[in-house]
N, C-alpha and C. Protein backbone atom coordinates (compact mmCIF):
# COMPACT_ATOMS: atom_id res chain seq x y z
N PRO A 1 0.79 -1.31 0.11
CA PRO A 1 0.04 -0.03 -0.05
C PRO A 1 0.91 1.21 0.01
N GLY A 2 0.46 2.28 -0.78
CA GLY A 2 1.09 3.62 -0.78
C GLY A 2 0.40 4.65 0.01
N ILE A 3 -0.87 4.66 -0.19
CA ILE A 3 -1.93 5.60 0.36
C ILE A 3 -3.10 4.88 0.85
N HIS A 4 -3.68 5.19 2.00
CA HIS A 4 -4.83 4.71 2.53
C HIS A 4 -5.49 5.94 3.09
N TYR A 5 -6.53 6.45 2.46
CA TYR A 5 -7.22 7.68 2.99
C TYR A 5 -8.78 7.39 2.99
N VAL A 6 -9.24 7.56 4.17
CA VAL A 6 -10.61 7.17 4.43
C VAL A 6 -11.42 8.53 4.55
N GLU A 7 -12.31 8.77 3.87
CA GLU A 7 -13.28 9.77 3.93
C GLU A 7 -14.69 9.27 3.69
N ARG A 8 -15.71 9.89 4.08
CA ARG A 8 -17.07 9.48 3.84
C ARG A 8 -17.39 9.25 2.38
N GLN A 9 -17.13 10.05 1.50
CA GLN A 9 -17.53 9.86 0.11
C GLN A 9 -16.25 9.63 -0.87
N PHE A 10 -15.03 9.85 -0.51
CA PHE A 10 -13.80 9.91 -1.41
C PHE A 10 -12.70 9.21 -0.97
N GLY A 11 -12.95 7.98 -0.63
CA GLY A 11 -11.67 7.22 0.11
C GLY A 11 -10.80 6.74 -1.18
N VAL A 12 -9.46 6.57 -0.72
CA VAL A 12 -8.50 6.16 -1.67
C VAL A 12 -7.66 5.06 -1.03
N LEU A 13 -7.44 4.04 -1.96
CA LEU A 13 -6.29 3.01 -1.50
C LEU A 13 -5.39 2.89 -2.73
N GLU A 14 -4.19 3.21 -2.56
CA GLU A 14 -3.13 3.15 -3.57
C GLU A 14 -2.28 1.99 -3.26
N VAL A 15 -1.94 1.15 -4.26
CA VAL A 15 -1.01 0.13 -4.12
C VAL A 15 0.15 0.14 -5.18
N HIS A 16 1.22 -0.27 -4.73
CA HIS A 16 2.55 -0.19 -5.49
C HIS A 16 3.13 -1.53 -5.68
N SER A 17 3.81 -1.61 -6.79
CA SER A 17 4.75 -2.92 -6.97
C SER A 17 5.68 -2.59 -8.13
N ARG A 18 6.79 -3.26 -8.15
CA ARG A 18 7.61 -3.13 -9.19
C ARG A 18 7.17 -3.92 -10.50
N GLU A 19 6.21 -4.75 -10.12
CA GLU A 19 5.57 -5.66 -11.25
C GLU A 19 4.30 -5.24 -11.45
N PRO A 20 3.83 -4.56 -12.66
CA PRO A 20 2.55 -4.21 -13.03
C PRO A 20 1.50 -5.23 -12.84
N ALA A 21 1.97 -6.53 -13.05
CA ALA A 21 1.00 -7.67 -13.06
C ALA A 21 0.42 -7.85 -11.49
N ASP A 22 1.43 -7.51 -10.53
CA ASP A 22 0.93 -7.58 -9.11
C ASP A 22 -0.10 -6.45 -8.81
N VAL A 23 -0.02 -5.29 -9.37
CA VAL A 23 -0.91 -4.28 -9.11
C VAL A 23 -2.19 -4.58 -9.82
N GLU A 24 -2.17 -5.10 -11.07
CA GLU A 24 -3.42 -5.64 -11.68
C GLU A 24 -4.10 -6.73 -10.81
N LYS A 25 -3.50 -7.69 -10.34
CA LYS A 25 -3.95 -8.54 -9.42
C LYS A 25 -4.61 -7.95 -8.23
N ALA A 26 -3.85 -7.02 -7.58
CA ALA A 26 -4.35 -6.49 -6.39
C ALA A 26 -5.78 -5.70 -6.74
N GLY A 27 -5.80 -5.08 -7.86
CA GLY A 27 -6.92 -4.31 -8.25
C GLY A 27 -8.16 -5.21 -8.47
N GLU A 28 -7.69 -6.43 -9.16
CA GLU A 28 -8.87 -7.48 -9.33
C GLU A 28 -9.43 -7.93 -8.10
N ALA A 29 -8.52 -8.13 -7.13
CA ALA A 29 -8.95 -8.82 -5.76
C ALA A 29 -9.70 -7.66 -4.97
N ILE A 30 -9.49 -6.38 -5.08
CA ILE A 30 -10.26 -5.36 -4.45
C ILE A 30 -11.61 -5.29 -4.92
N LEU A 31 -11.61 -5.24 -6.42
CA LEU A 31 -12.91 -5.23 -7.08
C LEU A 31 -13.83 -6.48 -6.69
N THR A 32 -13.19 -7.63 -6.69
CA THR A 32 -13.93 -8.83 -6.31
C THR A 32 -14.52 -8.78 -4.93
N GLY A 33 -13.62 -8.28 -3.95
CA GLY A 33 -14.03 -8.14 -2.70
C GLY A 33 -15.16 -7.16 -2.35
N ILE A 34 -15.30 -6.12 -3.18
CA ILE A 34 -16.47 -5.19 -2.93
C ILE A 34 -17.51 -5.47 -4.01
N GLY A 35 -17.35 -6.48 -4.85
CA GLY A 35 -18.57 -6.96 -5.70
C GLY A 35 -18.66 -6.05 -6.94
N ALA A 36 -17.55 -5.55 -7.42
CA ALA A 36 -17.71 -4.47 -8.49
C ALA A 36 -16.87 -4.79 -9.67
N LYS A 37 -17.04 -3.97 -10.62
CA LYS A 37 -16.26 -4.19 -11.89
C LYS A 37 -15.57 -2.70 -12.23
N ALA A 38 -14.50 -2.74 -12.97
CA ALA A 38 -13.91 -1.48 -13.28
C ALA A 38 -14.77 -0.55 -13.96
N GLU A 39 -15.69 -1.07 -14.66
CA GLU A 39 -16.64 -0.24 -15.43
C GLU A 39 -17.80 0.44 -14.54
N ASP A 40 -17.86 -0.05 -13.39
CA ASP A 40 -18.82 0.52 -12.61
C ASP A 40 -18.46 1.85 -11.98
N GLY A 41 -17.20 2.29 -12.11
CA GLY A 41 -16.61 3.57 -11.56
C GLY A 41 -17.11 4.56 -12.41
N LEU A 42 -17.11 5.88 -12.00
CA LEU A 42 -17.43 7.05 -12.82
C LEU A 42 -16.38 7.34 -13.86
N ARG A 43 -16.82 7.73 -15.01
CA ARG A 43 -15.80 8.11 -16.02
C ARG A 43 -15.38 9.44 -15.64
N PRO A 44 -14.11 9.77 -15.87
CA PRO A 44 -13.55 11.20 -15.63
C PRO A 44 -14.23 12.25 -16.41
N ARG A 45 -14.34 13.51 -15.90
CA ARG A 45 -14.81 14.53 -16.64
C ARG A 45 -14.15 15.74 -16.16
N ILE A 46 -13.62 16.50 -17.11
CA ILE A 46 -12.85 17.73 -16.89
C ILE A 46 -13.85 18.81 -16.56
N LEU A 47 -13.65 19.47 -15.39
CA LEU A 47 -14.46 20.59 -15.06
C LEU A 47 -13.91 21.84 -15.57
N TYR A 48 -12.46 21.99 -15.55
CA TYR A 48 -11.88 23.30 -15.90
C TYR A 48 -10.53 22.99 -16.47
N THR A 49 -10.18 23.88 -17.42
CA THR A 49 -8.81 23.82 -17.93
C THR A 49 -8.42 25.19 -18.34
N ASP A 50 -7.05 25.55 -17.96
CA ASP A 50 -6.73 26.87 -18.27
C ASP A 50 -5.24 26.83 -18.65
N VAL A 51 -4.77 27.62 -19.67
CA VAL A 51 -3.29 27.76 -19.98
C VAL A 51 -3.02 29.24 -19.68
N ILE A 52 -1.99 29.33 -18.69
CA ILE A 52 -1.80 30.97 -18.38
C ILE A 52 -0.37 31.12 -18.80
N GLU A 53 -0.15 31.89 -19.73
CA GLU A 53 1.24 32.19 -20.30
C GLU A 53 1.89 33.31 -19.53
N ASP A 54 3.19 33.20 -19.59
CA ASP A 54 4.02 34.41 -18.95
C ASP A 54 3.68 34.60 -17.53
N VAL A 55 3.71 33.66 -16.74
CA VAL A 55 3.26 33.94 -15.39
C VAL A 55 4.26 34.83 -14.75
N THR A 56 3.62 35.89 -13.97
CA THR A 56 4.42 36.81 -13.27
C THR A 56 5.02 36.37 -12.02
N ASP A 57 6.07 37.04 -11.54
CA ASP A 57 6.73 36.52 -10.22
C ASP A 57 5.80 36.52 -9.07
N GLN A 58 4.81 37.42 -8.96
CA GLN A 58 3.86 37.57 -7.86
C GLN A 58 2.98 36.33 -8.01
N HIS A 59 2.50 35.98 -9.21
CA HIS A 59 1.63 34.76 -9.27
C HIS A 59 2.44 33.58 -8.92
N ALA A 60 3.71 33.48 -9.39
CA ALA A 60 4.39 32.17 -9.08
C ALA A 60 4.61 32.14 -7.57
N VAL A 61 4.72 33.27 -6.80
CA VAL A 61 5.02 33.16 -5.27
C VAL A 61 3.74 32.58 -4.78
N ILE A 62 2.55 33.00 -5.25
CA ILE A 62 1.26 32.58 -4.69
C ILE A 62 1.12 31.05 -4.90
N ILE A 63 1.41 30.67 -6.13
CA ILE A 63 1.13 29.19 -6.41
C ILE A 63 2.32 28.27 -5.67
N ASN A 64 3.41 28.72 -5.49
CA ASN A 64 4.47 28.13 -4.76
C ASN A 64 4.53 28.21 -3.37
N ARG A 65 3.62 28.92 -2.69
CA ARG A 65 3.58 29.16 -1.28
C ARG A 65 3.65 28.06 -0.51
N ASN A 66 3.14 26.95 -0.78
CA ASN A 66 3.17 25.60 -0.01
C ASN A 66 4.07 24.61 -0.67
N ARG A 67 4.79 24.85 -1.67
CA ARG A 67 5.70 23.89 -2.43
C ARG A 67 7.06 23.92 -1.70
N GLU A 68 7.71 22.80 -1.67
CA GLU A 68 9.03 22.64 -1.25
C GLU A 68 9.93 22.32 -2.40
N ALA A 69 9.38 21.90 -3.61
CA ALA A 69 10.23 21.58 -4.77
C ALA A 69 9.23 21.65 -5.95
N SER A 70 9.75 21.31 -7.12
CA SER A 70 8.91 21.51 -8.26
C SER A 70 8.05 22.73 -8.43
N MET A 71 8.70 23.79 -8.47
CA MET A 71 8.04 25.15 -8.32
C MET A 71 7.84 25.69 -9.80
N LEU A 72 6.82 26.58 -9.80
CA LEU A 72 6.49 27.35 -10.92
C LEU A 72 7.37 28.51 -10.99
N LEU A 73 7.93 28.79 -12.16
CA LEU A 73 8.99 29.91 -12.24
C LEU A 73 8.38 30.95 -13.02
N PRO A 74 8.59 32.30 -12.58
CA PRO A 74 8.28 33.40 -13.43
C PRO A 74 8.61 33.29 -14.88
N GLY A 75 7.66 33.64 -15.78
CA GLY A 75 7.85 33.57 -17.25
C GLY A 75 7.37 32.23 -17.92
N GLN A 76 7.18 31.12 -16.98
CA GLN A 76 6.76 29.98 -17.62
C GLN A 76 5.22 29.90 -17.87
N THR A 77 4.77 28.99 -18.57
CA THR A 77 3.31 28.83 -18.67
C THR A 77 2.86 27.82 -17.86
N LEU A 78 1.69 28.07 -17.31
CA LEU A 78 1.00 27.17 -16.28
C LEU A 78 -0.22 26.52 -16.84
N LEU A 79 -0.33 25.23 -16.65
CA LEU A 79 -1.46 24.63 -17.06
C LEU A 79 -2.26 24.10 -15.77
N VAL A 80 -3.48 24.43 -15.76
CA VAL A 80 -4.45 24.14 -14.61
C VAL A 80 -5.56 23.13 -15.08
N VAL A 81 -5.66 21.97 -14.72
CA VAL A 81 -6.77 21.16 -14.90
C VAL A 81 -7.52 20.51 -13.80
N GLU A 82 -8.78 20.67 -13.81
CA GLU A 82 -9.57 20.25 -12.52
C GLU A 82 -10.49 19.15 -13.19
N MET A 83 -10.70 17.97 -12.47
CA MET A 83 -11.51 16.95 -12.94
C MET A 83 -12.10 16.30 -11.78
N VAL A 84 -13.23 15.42 -12.22
CA VAL A 84 -13.72 14.56 -11.32
C VAL A 84 -13.84 13.19 -11.86
N PRO A 85 -13.86 12.07 -11.14
CA PRO A 85 -13.34 11.79 -9.87
C PRO A 85 -11.91 12.53 -9.62
N ALA A 86 -11.69 12.85 -8.33
CA ALA A 86 -10.36 13.49 -8.16
C ALA A 86 -9.10 12.47 -8.29
N LEU A 87 -9.26 11.19 -8.15
CA LEU A 87 -8.17 10.28 -8.38
C LEU A 87 -7.58 10.24 -9.73
N PHE A 88 -8.42 10.66 -10.75
CA PHE A 88 -7.94 10.81 -12.12
C PHE A 88 -6.82 11.83 -12.31
N ALA A 89 -6.65 12.73 -11.37
CA ALA A 89 -5.61 13.59 -11.43
C ALA A 89 -4.29 13.02 -11.56
N ALA A 90 -4.02 12.02 -10.77
CA ALA A 90 -2.70 11.21 -10.81
C ALA A 90 -2.51 10.52 -12.29
N PHE A 91 -3.71 9.99 -12.70
CA PHE A 91 -3.59 9.35 -14.04
C PHE A 91 -3.21 10.45 -15.06
N ALA A 92 -4.03 11.55 -15.13
CA ALA A 92 -3.76 12.62 -16.03
C ALA A 92 -2.40 13.24 -15.94
N ALA A 93 -1.80 13.50 -14.77
CA ALA A 93 -0.32 13.73 -14.60
C ALA A 93 0.58 12.81 -15.20
N ASN A 94 0.43 11.50 -15.00
CA ASN A 94 1.22 10.57 -15.66
C ASN A 94 1.24 10.62 -17.12
N ALA A 95 -0.03 10.79 -17.66
CA ALA A 95 -0.20 10.98 -19.19
C ALA A 95 0.60 12.05 -19.63
N ALA A 96 0.41 13.23 -18.91
CA ALA A 96 1.02 14.47 -19.44
C ALA A 96 2.62 14.41 -19.44
N GLU A 97 3.18 13.83 -18.43
CA GLU A 97 4.53 13.59 -18.31
C GLU A 97 5.10 12.63 -19.33
N ARG A 98 4.33 11.74 -19.78
CA ARG A 98 4.85 10.81 -20.94
C ARG A 98 5.12 11.56 -22.10
N VAL A 99 4.07 12.55 -22.37
CA VAL A 99 4.27 13.24 -23.77
C VAL A 99 5.09 14.49 -23.64
N ALA A 100 5.28 15.04 -22.42
CA ALA A 100 6.07 16.23 -22.28
C ALA A 100 6.93 16.13 -21.07
N PRO A 101 7.92 15.28 -21.13
CA PRO A 101 8.75 15.01 -19.91
C PRO A 101 9.54 16.25 -19.40
N GLU A 102 9.55 17.32 -20.11
CA GLU A 102 10.31 18.55 -19.80
C GLU A 102 9.58 19.35 -18.76
N LEU A 103 8.30 19.11 -18.74
CA LEU A 103 7.50 19.97 -17.85
C LEU A 103 7.77 19.66 -16.38
N THR A 104 7.35 20.65 -15.58
CA THR A 104 7.42 20.61 -14.22
C THR A 104 6.15 20.21 -13.61
N LEU A 105 6.05 19.05 -12.91
CA LEU A 105 4.85 18.81 -12.21
C LEU A 105 4.74 19.64 -10.84
N VAL A 106 3.99 20.67 -10.84
CA VAL A 106 3.96 21.57 -9.68
C VAL A 106 3.23 20.98 -8.49
N THR A 107 1.95 20.48 -8.76
CA THR A 107 1.21 19.76 -7.85
C THR A 107 0.13 18.87 -8.43
N VAL A 108 -0.23 17.89 -7.64
CA VAL A 108 -1.32 17.06 -8.00
C VAL A 108 -2.19 16.87 -6.82
N SER A 109 -3.43 17.12 -6.83
CA SER A 109 -4.47 17.09 -5.69
C SER A 109 -5.39 15.91 -6.24
N MET A 110 -5.29 14.84 -5.61
CA MET A 110 -5.98 13.62 -6.09
C MET A 110 -6.97 13.11 -5.13
N ILE A 111 -7.30 13.78 -4.11
CA ILE A 111 -8.22 13.12 -2.98
C ILE A 111 -9.12 14.32 -2.72
N GLY A 112 -10.49 13.97 -2.61
CA GLY A 112 -11.48 14.88 -2.35
C GLY A 112 -12.56 14.81 -3.52
N ALA A 113 -13.37 15.98 -3.50
CA ALA A 113 -14.49 15.95 -4.50
C ALA A 113 -13.94 16.21 -5.95
N ALA A 114 -12.93 17.03 -6.13
CA ALA A 114 -12.38 17.22 -7.47
C ALA A 114 -10.81 17.17 -7.38
N GLY A 115 -10.27 16.69 -8.45
CA GLY A 115 -8.70 16.76 -8.50
C GLY A 115 -8.17 17.78 -9.44
N ARG A 116 -7.02 18.03 -9.06
CA ARG A 116 -6.35 19.25 -9.84
C ARG A 116 -4.89 18.74 -10.17
N VAL A 117 -4.46 19.27 -11.37
CA VAL A 117 -3.01 19.10 -11.84
C VAL A 117 -2.64 20.42 -12.26
N TYR A 118 -1.36 20.83 -11.78
CA TYR A 118 -0.66 22.16 -12.13
C TYR A 118 0.70 21.59 -12.79
N LEU A 119 0.80 22.04 -14.04
CA LEU A 119 2.05 21.73 -14.68
C LEU A 119 2.65 22.96 -15.34
N ALA A 120 3.98 23.07 -15.22
CA ALA A 120 4.65 24.43 -15.74
C ALA A 120 5.75 24.09 -16.69
N GLY A 121 6.03 24.99 -17.57
CA GLY A 121 6.93 24.85 -18.63
C GLY A 121 6.71 25.77 -19.85
N ALA A 122 7.25 25.23 -20.97
CA ALA A 122 7.14 25.93 -22.34
C ALA A 122 5.65 25.72 -22.67
N THR A 123 5.28 26.75 -23.39
CA THR A 123 3.74 26.83 -23.96
C THR A 123 3.64 25.63 -24.85
N ALA A 124 4.45 25.26 -25.75
CA ALA A 124 4.25 24.16 -26.62
C ALA A 124 4.02 22.78 -25.80
N ASP A 125 4.80 22.50 -24.85
CA ASP A 125 4.79 21.44 -23.95
C ASP A 125 3.50 21.31 -23.23
N ILE A 126 3.08 22.51 -22.75
CA ILE A 126 1.82 22.65 -21.87
C ILE A 126 0.63 22.23 -22.76
N VAL A 127 0.63 22.84 -24.04
CA VAL A 127 -0.50 22.46 -25.01
C VAL A 127 -0.54 20.89 -25.41
N ARG A 128 0.64 20.43 -25.60
CA ARG A 128 0.74 18.95 -25.85
C ARG A 128 0.28 18.13 -24.56
N ALA A 129 0.50 18.57 -23.51
CA ALA A 129 0.04 17.89 -22.13
C ALA A 129 -1.39 18.03 -22.02
N ARG A 130 -1.90 19.22 -22.27
CA ARG A 130 -3.44 19.44 -22.17
C ARG A 130 -4.12 18.40 -23.07
N GLU A 131 -3.61 18.34 -24.35
CA GLU A 131 -4.39 17.52 -25.37
C GLU A 131 -4.21 16.01 -24.93
N GLU A 132 -3.15 15.69 -24.35
CA GLU A 132 -3.05 14.25 -23.94
C GLU A 132 -3.92 14.00 -22.76
N ILE A 133 -3.95 14.89 -21.72
CA ILE A 133 -4.85 14.68 -20.59
C ILE A 133 -6.24 14.56 -21.18
N THR A 134 -6.75 15.38 -22.05
CA THR A 134 -8.09 15.41 -22.41
C THR A 134 -8.25 13.89 -23.19
N ARG A 135 -7.31 13.52 -24.02
CA ARG A 135 -7.56 12.33 -24.87
C ARG A 135 -7.48 11.12 -23.93
N VAL A 136 -6.77 10.94 -22.92
CA VAL A 136 -6.71 9.78 -22.02
C VAL A 136 -7.95 9.66 -21.06
N LEU A 137 -8.45 10.81 -20.67
CA LEU A 137 -9.56 10.88 -19.80
C LEU A 137 -10.81 10.42 -20.64
N GLU A 138 -10.82 10.95 -21.97
CA GLU A 138 -12.04 10.62 -22.76
C GLU A 138 -12.11 9.14 -22.97
N ASP A 139 -10.96 8.42 -23.02
CA ASP A 139 -10.91 6.96 -23.40
C ASP A 139 -11.20 6.10 -22.08
N VAL A 140 -11.51 6.67 -21.01
CA VAL A 140 -11.68 5.80 -19.82
C VAL A 140 -13.11 5.37 -19.90
N ALA A 141 -13.35 4.03 -19.65
CA ALA A 141 -14.80 3.53 -19.61
C ALA A 141 -15.47 3.61 -18.24
N GLY A 142 -16.76 3.81 -18.17
CA GLY A 142 -17.26 3.91 -16.71
C GLY A 142 -18.65 4.50 -16.94
N ARG A 143 -19.29 4.77 -15.76
CA ARG A 143 -20.59 5.23 -15.84
C ARG A 143 -20.52 6.86 -15.95
N GLU A 144 -21.52 7.28 -16.61
CA GLU A 144 -21.62 8.69 -16.66
C GLU A 144 -22.12 9.41 -15.27
N HIS A 145 -21.75 10.58 -15.06
CA HIS A 145 -22.05 11.46 -13.78
C HIS A 145 -23.60 11.61 -13.70
């Protein structure tokens, strides 16, 4: 286990392994244990997305206030994506990093009612990341909201 977060409506159990097959087996066991299928989950839906170019130093300070690393720098472009269910923020961030590895992952909020991803870097990389996030989230099967 990596994360076990219990909340009335938005609990999270995260498992890790060096072997992807072990993670798949754990997922199958969890679904079997609760009597569900992967398709029973809600499909992700993007609530908000914005590309903010040429971030000012004051804006960067506000965004970075609680960061210890992976900071937004003045002059960079910032991508903000908000989605539900929140856990898909981690999935979206991974997809974005695969197509634009030069980006800085500023923050990922993946627990709660909605999830958020903040990525920083060059505008072309940000646009590529936004397009990939949209694509991978649209490809997920599940129930509509």
